[in-house]
C-alpha cells in the first residue's frame, strides 16, 4: 500500500517544493506577500521564525503522519547530502512548481532554507522519526559547502 496525501487519494511523492508551499503568495500578494516581504530571506533567524510559524505550526504539516514526515525528512537528507544540489531550482517556476514567492525577496543562499528545515524537522519530528528507525545524521555530515 502506498502512502497518500492526507484527505485525498493522491500518492504522496513530494518534491522539495513541498517545503515551500506556505511561502506561496499567489492570489495572496496583499496579505501573505506583504507580511513575508517584512522578512530577510538571507537571515537564518528570520527564516527559522517563518518556518516555525508557517510550516511546522501550520495546518498542512500538522495533518501529516509520522510516515509522511519520514518521506519528507528522507527527501531533505537526500538533497542536502548531494554535492552541488541545485537548491535554487526548487524556488524557480517551471512545470513542476507553480507558486510565487514574495516579490521583494532576493535570496543569496537557497540552501539555507533547507538547512533550517532540516534542523527544525529534527526538533519537531525527531522522536517520531527515531520510532520509525530513521537515521538522523548531523547536518555537518551532509555536504556543507
N, C-alpha and C. Protein backbone atom coordinates (compact mmCIF):
# COMPACT_ATOMS: atom_id res chain seq x y z
N UNK A 1 0.83 -1.17 0.00
CA UNK A 1 0.00 0.00 0.00
C UNK A 1 0.89 1.25 0.00
N UNK A 2 0.59 2.18 -0.89
CA UNK A 2 1.41 3.39 -0.96
C UNK A 2 0.82 4.48 -0.06
N UNK A 3 1.67 5.37 0.34
CA UNK A 3 1.28 6.49 1.19
C UNK A 3 0.53 7.52 0.36
N UNK A 4 -0.54 8.07 0.90
CA UNK A 4 -1.31 9.08 0.18
C UNK A 4 -1.29 10.40 0.98
N UNK A 5 -1.57 11.49 0.27
CA UNK A 5 -1.70 12.78 0.94
C UNK A 5 -2.90 12.71 1.88
N UNK A 6 -2.82 13.38 3.04
CA UNK A 6 -3.99 13.40 3.93
C UNK A 6 -5.22 13.96 3.21
N UNK A 7 -6.34 13.39 3.50
CA UNK A 7 -7.64 13.82 2.95
C UNK A 7 -7.69 13.78 1.43
N UNK A 8 -7.02 12.81 0.84
CA UNK A 8 -7.06 12.67 -0.62
C UNK A 8 -6.85 11.22 -0.99
N UNK A 9 -6.80 10.97 -2.28
CA UNK A 9 -6.45 9.63 -2.74
C UNK A 9 -5.24 9.71 -3.68
N UNK A 10 -4.46 10.79 -3.56
CA UNK A 10 -3.27 11.01 -4.38
C UNK A 10 -2.04 10.46 -3.66
N UNK A 11 -1.20 9.78 -4.40
CA UNK A 11 0.03 9.22 -3.84
C UNK A 11 0.93 10.33 -3.33
N UNK A 12 1.51 10.12 -2.18
CA UNK A 12 2.39 11.10 -1.53
C UNK A 12 3.82 10.88 -2.01
N UNK A 13 4.20 11.66 -3.01
CA UNK A 13 5.57 11.64 -3.55
C UNK A 13 6.03 13.09 -3.69
N UNK A 14 6.28 13.75 -2.55
CA UNK A 14 6.59 15.18 -2.59
C UNK A 14 7.99 15.47 -3.11
N UNK A 15 8.10 16.58 -3.79
CA UNK A 15 9.42 17.10 -4.16
C UNK A 15 9.83 18.07 -3.05
N UNK A 16 11.01 18.64 -3.16
CA UNK A 16 11.42 19.63 -2.17
C UNK A 16 10.51 20.86 -2.18
N UNK A 17 9.83 21.10 -3.28
CA UNK A 17 8.92 22.24 -3.37
C UNK A 17 7.80 22.14 -2.32
N UNK A 18 7.51 20.95 -1.84
CA UNK A 18 6.51 20.79 -0.78
C UNK A 18 6.83 21.70 0.40
N UNK A 19 8.12 21.82 0.72
CA UNK A 19 8.54 22.62 1.86
C UNK A 19 8.25 24.11 1.67
N UNK A 20 8.12 24.55 0.45
CA UNK A 20 7.94 25.97 0.17
C UNK A 20 6.47 26.38 0.03
N UNK A 21 5.57 25.44 0.13
CA UNK A 21 4.15 25.72 -0.11
C UNK A 21 3.58 26.85 0.73
N UNK A 22 4.02 26.98 1.96
CA UNK A 22 3.48 28.03 2.82
C UNK A 22 4.00 29.42 2.46
N UNK A 23 4.96 29.49 1.54
CA UNK A 23 5.50 30.78 1.10
C UNK A 23 4.90 31.21 -0.24
N UNK A 24 3.95 30.44 -0.73
CA UNK A 24 3.29 30.76 -2.00
C UNK A 24 2.32 31.92 -1.79
N UNK A 25 2.62 33.05 -2.43
CA UNK A 25 1.77 34.23 -2.24
C UNK A 25 0.77 34.41 -3.37
N UNK A 26 0.72 33.46 -4.30
CA UNK A 26 -0.22 33.59 -5.42
C UNK A 26 -1.62 33.86 -4.90
N UNK A 27 -2.22 34.91 -5.39
CA UNK A 27 -3.56 35.34 -5.01
C UNK A 27 -3.65 35.78 -3.55
N UNK A 28 -2.48 35.94 -2.92
CA UNK A 28 -2.42 36.43 -1.54
C UNK A 28 -1.31 37.49 -1.41
N UNK A 29 -1.03 38.18 -2.51
CA UNK A 29 0.05 39.16 -2.54
C UNK A 29 -0.14 40.26 -1.50
N UNK A 30 -1.38 40.67 -1.30
CA UNK A 30 -1.65 41.79 -0.40
C UNK A 30 -1.79 41.38 1.06
N UNK A 31 -1.79 40.09 1.32
CA UNK A 31 -1.85 39.65 2.71
C UNK A 31 -0.55 38.93 3.06
N UNK A 32 -0.43 37.68 2.65
CA UNK A 32 0.78 36.92 2.96
C UNK A 32 2.01 37.55 2.32
N UNK A 33 1.88 38.02 1.10
CA UNK A 33 3.03 38.64 0.41
C UNK A 33 3.55 39.85 1.16
N UNK A 34 2.65 40.72 1.58
CA UNK A 34 3.06 41.91 2.36
C UNK A 34 3.74 41.49 3.66
N UNK A 35 3.19 40.50 4.31
CA UNK A 35 3.77 40.01 5.57
C UNK A 35 5.17 39.45 5.34
N UNK A 36 5.32 38.56 4.37
CA UNK A 36 6.62 37.93 4.14
C UNK A 36 7.67 38.92 3.67
N UNK A 37 7.27 39.96 2.97
CA UNK A 37 8.23 40.95 2.50
C UNK A 37 8.88 41.73 3.63
N UNK A 38 8.36 41.61 4.83
CA UNK A 38 8.96 42.26 6.00
C UNK A 38 10.20 41.50 6.50
N UNK A 39 10.40 40.29 5.99
CA UNK A 39 11.48 39.44 6.48
C UNK A 39 12.61 39.36 5.45
N UNK A 40 13.81 39.15 5.98
CA UNK A 40 15.00 39.00 5.14
C UNK A 40 15.21 37.51 4.86
N UNK A 41 15.09 37.06 3.60
CA UNK A 41 15.24 35.64 3.31
C UNK A 41 16.68 35.14 3.41
N UNK A 42 17.60 36.04 3.75
CA UNK A 42 19.00 35.65 3.91
C UNK A 42 19.43 35.64 5.37
N UNK A 43 18.50 35.91 6.26
CA UNK A 43 18.77 35.91 7.69
C UNK A 43 18.25 34.60 8.29
N UNK A 44 19.17 33.78 8.74
CA UNK A 44 18.82 32.45 9.25
C UNK A 44 17.78 32.51 10.38
N UNK A 45 17.90 33.46 11.29
CA UNK A 45 16.95 33.56 12.41
C UNK A 45 15.56 33.92 11.91
N UNK A 46 15.48 34.83 10.95
CA UNK A 46 14.17 35.21 10.42
C UNK A 46 13.53 34.07 9.65
N UNK A 47 14.33 33.35 8.88
CA UNK A 47 13.80 32.20 8.14
C UNK A 47 13.32 31.13 9.12
N UNK A 48 14.10 30.90 10.13
CA UNK A 48 13.72 29.90 11.14
C UNK A 48 12.37 30.27 11.78
N UNK A 49 12.20 31.55 12.11
CA UNK A 49 10.94 32.02 12.69
C UNK A 49 9.78 31.73 11.73
N UNK A 50 9.96 32.08 10.45
CA UNK A 50 8.89 31.85 9.47
C UNK A 50 8.59 30.37 9.29
N UNK A 51 9.62 29.54 9.27
CA UNK A 51 9.40 28.10 9.12
C UNK A 51 8.62 27.54 10.30
N UNK A 52 8.97 27.99 11.49
CA UNK A 52 8.23 27.55 12.69
C UNK A 52 6.76 27.94 12.57
N UNK A 53 6.54 29.20 12.26
CA UNK A 53 5.19 29.76 12.25
C UNK A 53 4.34 29.21 11.11
N UNK A 54 4.87 29.22 9.90
CA UNK A 54 4.06 28.89 8.73
C UNK A 54 4.07 27.41 8.38
N UNK A 55 5.22 26.76 8.52
CA UNK A 55 5.33 25.36 8.09
C UNK A 55 5.05 24.41 9.25
N UNK A 56 5.90 24.41 10.26
CA UNK A 56 5.79 23.40 11.32
C UNK A 56 4.54 23.58 12.19
N UNK A 57 4.09 24.81 12.36
CA UNK A 57 2.87 25.03 13.14
C UNK A 57 1.64 25.20 12.25
N UNK A 58 1.80 25.01 10.96
CA UNK A 58 0.70 25.18 10.02
C UNK A 58 -0.18 23.95 9.92
N UNK A 59 -1.41 24.13 9.49
CA UNK A 59 -2.37 23.01 9.43
C UNK A 59 -1.98 21.91 8.45
N UNK A 60 -1.32 22.26 7.35
CA UNK A 60 -0.96 21.23 6.36
C UNK A 60 0.02 20.24 6.96
N UNK A 61 1.03 20.74 7.66
CA UNK A 61 2.03 19.85 8.25
C UNK A 61 1.47 19.12 9.47
N UNK A 62 0.61 19.77 10.20
CA UNK A 62 0.02 19.11 11.37
C UNK A 62 -0.86 17.92 10.97
N UNK A 63 -1.31 17.89 9.72
CA UNK A 63 -2.15 16.77 9.26
C UNK A 63 -1.31 15.56 8.82
N UNK A 64 0.00 15.70 8.79
CA UNK A 64 0.85 14.61 8.32
C UNK A 64 1.09 13.56 9.41
N UNK A 65 1.18 12.32 8.98
CA UNK A 65 1.52 11.22 9.89
C UNK A 65 3.04 11.12 10.00
N UNK A 66 3.49 10.30 10.91
CA UNK A 66 4.93 10.06 11.05
C UNK A 66 5.52 9.51 9.76
N UNK A 67 4.76 8.70 9.04
CA UNK A 67 5.25 8.14 7.78
C UNK A 67 5.43 9.23 6.71
N UNK A 68 4.53 10.20 6.68
CA UNK A 68 4.68 11.34 5.76
C UNK A 68 5.95 12.12 6.11
N UNK A 69 6.13 12.35 7.40
CA UNK A 69 7.30 13.11 7.86
C UNK A 69 8.59 12.36 7.52
N UNK A 70 8.54 11.05 7.61
CA UNK A 70 9.71 10.25 7.26
C UNK A 70 10.06 10.46 5.78
N UNK A 71 9.08 10.42 4.91
CA UNK A 71 9.31 10.62 3.47
C UNK A 71 9.91 12.01 3.23
N UNK A 72 9.34 13.02 3.86
CA UNK A 72 9.85 14.39 3.70
C UNK A 72 11.27 14.53 4.23
N UNK A 73 11.51 13.96 5.40
CA UNK A 73 12.84 14.04 6.00
C UNK A 73 13.87 13.34 5.13
N UNK A 74 13.53 12.17 4.64
CA UNK A 74 14.47 11.45 3.78
C UNK A 74 14.75 12.21 2.49
N UNK A 75 13.76 12.91 1.98
CA UNK A 75 13.96 13.74 0.78
C UNK A 75 14.93 14.88 1.09
N UNK A 76 14.79 15.48 2.27
CA UNK A 76 15.72 16.53 2.70
C UNK A 76 17.14 16.00 2.82
N UNK A 77 17.30 14.87 3.47
CA UNK A 77 18.63 14.26 3.65
C UNK A 77 19.27 13.98 2.29
N UNK A 78 18.47 13.45 1.39
CA UNK A 78 18.97 13.14 0.05
C UNK A 78 19.51 14.39 -0.65
N UNK A 79 18.72 15.46 -0.63
CA UNK A 79 19.13 16.70 -1.31
C UNK A 79 20.32 17.35 -0.62
N UNK A 80 20.29 17.45 0.70
CA UNK A 80 21.38 18.08 1.43
C UNK A 80 22.67 17.29 1.33
N UNK A 81 22.55 15.99 1.13
CA UNK A 81 23.72 15.14 1.01
C UNK A 81 24.30 15.05 -0.38
N UNK A 82 23.60 15.59 -1.37
CA UNK A 82 24.07 15.53 -2.75
C UNK A 82 24.97 16.73 -3.05
N UNK A 83 26.24 16.46 -3.36
CA UNK A 83 27.14 17.58 -3.67
C UNK A 83 26.62 18.38 -4.87
N UNK A 84 26.63 19.68 -4.73
CA UNK A 84 26.22 20.53 -5.84
C UNK A 84 24.74 20.55 -6.13
N UNK A 85 23.91 20.07 -5.21
CA UNK A 85 22.46 20.08 -5.46
C UNK A 85 22.02 21.50 -5.77
N UNK A 86 21.19 21.67 -6.78
CA UNK A 86 20.73 22.99 -7.22
C UNK A 86 19.47 23.39 -6.45
N UNK A 87 19.65 23.94 -5.26
CA UNK A 87 18.51 24.35 -4.44
C UNK A 87 17.78 25.52 -5.06
N UNK A 88 18.46 26.33 -5.82
CA UNK A 88 17.81 27.47 -6.47
C UNK A 88 16.69 26.99 -7.39
N UNK A 89 16.88 25.86 -8.05
CA UNK A 89 15.88 25.36 -8.99
C UNK A 89 14.55 25.05 -8.30
N UNK A 90 14.58 24.75 -7.01
CA UNK A 90 13.35 24.45 -6.28
C UNK A 90 12.49 25.71 -6.15
N UNK A 91 13.13 26.86 -6.14
CA UNK A 91 12.43 28.13 -5.99
C UNK A 91 11.94 28.70 -7.31
N UNK A 92 12.40 28.15 -8.41
CA UNK A 92 12.06 28.71 -9.72
C UNK A 92 10.77 28.11 -10.27
N UNK A 93 10.02 28.93 -10.98
CA UNK A 93 8.80 28.47 -11.62
C UNK A 93 9.15 27.55 -12.79
N UNK A 94 8.46 26.44 -12.88
CA UNK A 94 8.56 25.54 -14.02
C UNK A 94 7.33 24.65 -14.03
N UNK A 95 7.30 23.65 -14.88
CA UNK A 95 6.10 22.82 -14.98
C UNK A 95 5.83 22.02 -13.70
N UNK A 96 6.86 21.81 -12.86
CA UNK A 96 6.67 21.07 -11.61
C UNK A 96 6.29 21.97 -10.44
N UNK A 97 6.73 23.21 -10.47
CA UNK A 97 6.49 24.15 -9.37
C UNK A 97 5.71 25.34 -9.91
N UNK A 98 4.55 25.53 -9.42
CA UNK A 98 3.71 26.65 -9.86
C UNK A 98 3.33 27.48 -8.65
N UNK A 99 4.29 28.21 -8.12
CA UNK A 99 3.99 29.08 -7.00
C UNK A 99 4.77 30.37 -7.15
N UNK A 100 4.43 31.33 -6.35
CA UNK A 100 5.03 32.65 -6.43
C UNK A 100 5.54 33.04 -5.06
N UNK A 101 6.83 33.32 -4.97
CA UNK A 101 7.42 33.77 -3.72
C UNK A 101 7.27 35.28 -3.57
N UNK A 102 7.48 35.79 -2.37
CA UNK A 102 7.37 37.24 -2.17
C UNK A 102 8.22 38.02 -3.17
N UNK A 103 7.63 39.06 -3.73
CA UNK A 103 8.25 39.82 -4.81
C UNK A 103 9.56 40.50 -4.40
N UNK A 104 9.66 40.94 -3.16
CA UNK A 104 10.85 41.67 -2.73
C UNK A 104 12.00 40.77 -2.29
N UNK A 105 11.78 39.50 -2.25
CA UNK A 105 12.84 38.60 -1.79
C UNK A 105 13.92 38.42 -2.85
N UNK A 106 15.14 38.67 -2.45
CA UNK A 106 16.32 38.35 -3.26
C UNK A 106 17.16 37.42 -2.42
N UNK A 107 17.12 36.16 -2.76
CA UNK A 107 17.75 35.12 -1.95
C UNK A 107 19.19 34.90 -2.42
N UNK A 108 20.12 34.97 -1.46
CA UNK A 108 21.54 34.74 -1.76
C UNK A 108 21.93 33.28 -1.58
N UNK A 109 21.33 32.60 -0.59
CA UNK A 109 21.71 31.22 -0.27
C UNK A 109 20.45 30.36 -0.18
N UNK A 110 20.13 29.71 -1.27
CA UNK A 110 18.91 28.90 -1.32
C UNK A 110 19.00 27.67 -0.42
N UNK A 111 20.18 27.17 -0.22
CA UNK A 111 20.38 26.01 0.65
C UNK A 111 20.00 26.33 2.10
N UNK A 112 20.17 27.58 2.51
CA UNK A 112 19.88 27.99 3.88
C UNK A 112 18.48 27.57 4.31
N UNK A 113 17.49 27.75 3.45
CA UNK A 113 16.12 27.36 3.77
C UNK A 113 16.06 25.88 4.16
N UNK A 114 16.70 25.05 3.36
CA UNK A 114 16.59 23.61 3.57
C UNK A 114 17.43 23.14 4.75
N UNK A 115 18.51 23.85 5.06
CA UNK A 115 19.26 23.55 6.28
C UNK A 115 18.39 23.83 7.50
N UNK A 116 17.66 24.93 7.45
CA UNK A 116 16.78 25.25 8.58
C UNK A 116 15.58 24.30 8.65
N UNK A 117 15.05 23.90 7.50
CA UNK A 117 14.01 22.87 7.51
C UNK A 117 14.54 21.63 8.20
N UNK A 118 15.76 21.24 7.88
CA UNK A 118 16.37 20.04 8.44
C UNK A 118 16.49 20.15 9.96
N UNK A 119 17.07 21.26 10.41
CA UNK A 119 17.25 21.46 11.86
C UNK A 119 15.91 21.42 12.60
N UNK A 120 14.93 22.10 12.04
CA UNK A 120 13.62 22.14 12.69
C UNK A 120 12.88 20.81 12.59
N UNK A 121 13.09 20.08 11.50
CA UNK A 121 12.47 18.76 11.38
C UNK A 121 12.97 17.84 12.50
N UNK A 122 14.25 17.91 12.80
CA UNK A 122 14.78 17.10 13.90
C UNK A 122 14.17 17.55 15.22
N UNK A 123 14.07 18.87 15.42
CA UNK A 123 13.46 19.38 16.66
C UNK A 123 12.00 18.94 16.80
N UNK A 124 11.24 19.06 15.73
CA UNK A 124 9.80 18.78 15.79
C UNK A 124 9.45 17.31 15.61
N UNK A 125 10.17 16.64 14.74
CA UNK A 125 9.80 15.28 14.35
C UNK A 125 10.77 14.20 14.82
N UNK A 126 11.83 14.60 15.50
CA UNK A 126 12.89 13.65 15.86
C UNK A 126 12.40 12.39 16.53
N UNK A 127 11.55 12.52 17.54
CA UNK A 127 11.07 11.34 18.26
C UNK A 127 10.27 10.42 17.35
N UNK A 128 9.40 11.01 16.52
CA UNK A 128 8.60 10.19 15.59
C UNK A 128 9.51 9.47 14.58
N UNK A 129 10.51 10.19 14.09
CA UNK A 129 11.42 9.59 13.11
C UNK A 129 12.25 8.48 13.73
N UNK A 130 12.75 8.71 14.94
CA UNK A 130 13.53 7.66 15.63
C UNK A 130 12.67 6.42 15.87
N UNK A 131 11.40 6.62 16.18
CA UNK A 131 10.49 5.50 16.41
C UNK A 131 10.30 4.66 15.15
N UNK A 132 10.52 5.29 13.98
CA UNK A 132 10.44 4.58 12.70
C UNK A 132 11.82 4.11 12.23
N UNK A 133 12.80 4.18 13.14
CA UNK A 133 14.19 3.77 12.86
C UNK A 133 14.85 4.58 11.76
N UNK A 134 14.51 5.85 11.67
CA UNK A 134 15.14 6.74 10.69
C UNK A 134 16.43 7.26 11.29
N UNK A 135 17.50 7.20 10.52
CA UNK A 135 18.78 7.74 10.94
C UNK A 135 18.74 9.25 10.81
N UNK A 136 19.22 9.95 11.83
CA UNK A 136 19.22 11.41 11.84
C UNK A 136 20.67 11.90 11.81
N UNK A 137 21.27 11.96 10.64
CA UNK A 137 22.67 12.40 10.58
C UNK A 137 22.81 13.86 10.99
N UNK A 138 23.99 14.19 11.48
CA UNK A 138 24.29 15.59 11.79
C UNK A 138 24.32 16.36 10.48
N UNK A 139 23.87 17.59 10.52
CA UNK A 139 23.84 18.41 9.31
C UNK A 139 25.25 18.56 8.72
N UNK A 140 26.26 18.63 9.58
CA UNK A 140 27.63 18.77 9.11
C UNK A 140 28.07 17.59 8.22
N UNK A 141 27.43 16.45 8.40
CA UNK A 141 27.76 15.27 7.60
C UNK A 141 27.16 15.34 6.20
N UNK A 142 26.29 16.30 5.96
CA UNK A 142 25.55 16.35 4.71
C UNK A 142 26.09 17.40 3.73
N UNK A 143 27.34 17.28 3.39
CA UNK A 143 27.96 18.10 2.36
C UNK A 143 27.77 19.60 2.53
N UNK A 144 28.05 20.10 3.71
CA UNK A 144 28.00 21.55 3.90
C UNK A 144 29.12 22.15 3.03
N UNK A 145 28.74 23.07 2.14
CA UNK A 145 29.76 23.66 1.26
C UNK A 145 30.77 24.49 2.03
